[in-house]
C-alpha cells in the first residue's frame, strides 16, 4: 500500500495543491467589517491509502470523488484572494 495526497478545488481534483504557499499577514482580519468582503477559497486535501498498482490518470472525476470519500485524513486549506494571486490563511 502507498499513501497519496489529492487536492480538490471547486470542480477539479489534482495531485498538486493549486495555489502559492505564501503566508499572509491578513491585517484586514482585525477589522470585522472587512471580513465579509474577503474572497476565501477552500482547497481540501485528502490523504488516501492506495494499492501499489494505482494509476491516477486512469480515473474519471466521479471515481476520484469516490476515492476521496475513503480518505484516512482530510485537511482544509483556506486561501484569501488578493490582487497578486492567492495567500494562505
Protein backbone atom coordinates (compact mmCIF):
# COMPACT_ATOMS: atom_id res chain seq x y z
CA UNK A 1 0.00 0.00 0.00
CA UNK A 2 1.09 3.55 -0.79
CA UNK A 3 -0.21 6.85 0.52
CA UNK A 4 -1.01 9.74 -1.82
CA UNK A 5 -2.46 13.21 -1.38
CA UNK A 6 -5.16 14.55 -3.66
CA UNK A 7 -6.38 18.14 -3.64
CA UNK A 8 -9.93 19.20 -4.50
CA UNK A 9 -10.66 22.77 -5.53
CA UNK A 10 -14.07 23.67 -6.95
CA UNK A 11 -14.68 21.04 -9.66
CA UNK A 12 -11.17 19.66 -10.06
CA UNK A 13 -9.01 17.10 -8.31
CA UNK A 14 -5.23 17.27 -8.70
CA UNK A 15 -2.11 15.74 -7.18
CA UNK A 16 -0.55 19.17 -6.51
CA UNK A 17 -2.01 21.97 -4.41
CA UNK A 18 -3.17 24.64 -6.88
CA UNK A 19 -2.00 27.78 -5.02
CA UNK A 20 1.02 29.61 -3.73
CA UNK A 21 2.13 28.60 -0.23
CA UNK A 22 2.77 32.19 0.78
CA UNK A 23 1.90 33.26 4.32
CA UNK A 24 -0.22 36.38 4.61
CA UNK A 25 -0.29 38.88 7.48
CA UNK A 26 -4.03 39.34 6.96
CA UNK A 27 -4.17 42.68 8.78
CA UNK A 28 -7.67 43.14 7.40
CA UNK A 29 -8.94 40.41 9.77
CA UNK A 30 -8.53 42.92 12.60
CA UNK A 31 -11.48 44.86 11.14
CA UNK A 32 -14.65 42.69 11.22
CA UNK A 33 -16.35 44.89 8.59
CA UNK A 34 -13.76 43.84 6.01
CA UNK A 35 -14.06 40.10 6.69
CA UNK A 36 -17.36 39.92 4.77
CA UNK A 37 -15.66 41.29 1.66
CA UNK A 38 -12.90 38.66 1.60
CA UNK A 39 -12.85 36.18 -1.26
CA UNK A 40 -11.92 32.99 0.61
CA UNK A 41 -11.35 29.78 -1.33
CA UNK A 42 -11.05 26.31 0.21
CA UNK A 43 -8.77 23.56 -1.06
CA UNK A 44 -9.45 20.17 0.52
CA UNK A 45 -6.53 17.79 0.88
CA UNK A 46 -7.27 14.05 1.03
CA UNK A 47 -4.70 11.58 2.39
CA UNK A 48 -5.52 8.24 0.79
CA UNK A 49 -4.08 4.73 1.00
CA UNK A 50 -3.91 3.14 -2.44
CA UNK A 51 -2.61 -0.14 -3.87
CA UNK A 52 0.88 -0.13 -5.38
CA UNK A 53 -0.53 -0.51 -8.91
CA UNK A 54 -2.71 2.61 -8.63
CA UNK A 55 -2.82 4.89 -11.71
CA UNK A 56 -4.29 8.33 -11.02
CA UNK A 57 -4.55 9.29 -14.68
CA UNK A 58 -6.90 6.38 -15.50
CA UNK A 59 -9.69 7.50 -13.13
CA UNK A 60 -12.66 9.70 -14.02
CA UNK A 61 -13.71 12.66 -11.87
CA UNK A 62 -16.54 10.57 -10.39
CA UNK A 63 -14.12 7.77 -9.47
CA UNK A 64 -11.72 10.28 -7.90
CA UNK A 65 -14.55 11.73 -5.79
CA UNK A 66 -15.40 8.21 -4.61
CA UNK A 67 -11.72 7.60 -3.82
CA UNK A 68 -11.56 10.85 -1.82
CA UNK A 69 -14.55 9.76 0.25
CA UNK A 70 -12.41 6.87 1.55
CA UNK A 71 -9.59 9.17 2.73
CA UNK A 72 -8.00 8.35 6.06
CA UNK A 73 -7.44 12.07 6.69
CA UNK A 74 -8.96 15.28 5.32
CA UNK A 75 -7.34 18.71 5.68
CA UNK A 76 -8.89 22.01 4.58
CA UNK A 77 -6.61 24.81 3.38
CA UNK A 78 -8.08 28.32 3.30
CA UNK A 79 -6.83 30.92 0.84
CA UNK A 80 -7.72 34.58 0.59
CA UNK A 81 -7.59 36.10 -2.85
CA UNK A 82 -5.72 39.36 -3.17
CA UNK A 83 -4.67 41.41 -6.17
CA UNK A 84 -1.48 39.38 -6.69
CA UNK A 85 -2.99 35.88 -6.57
CA UNK A 86 -3.74 33.79 -3.50
CA UNK A 87 -2.27 33.94 0.00
CA UNK A 88 -2.58 31.15 2.55
CA UNK A 89 -4.55 31.98 5.70
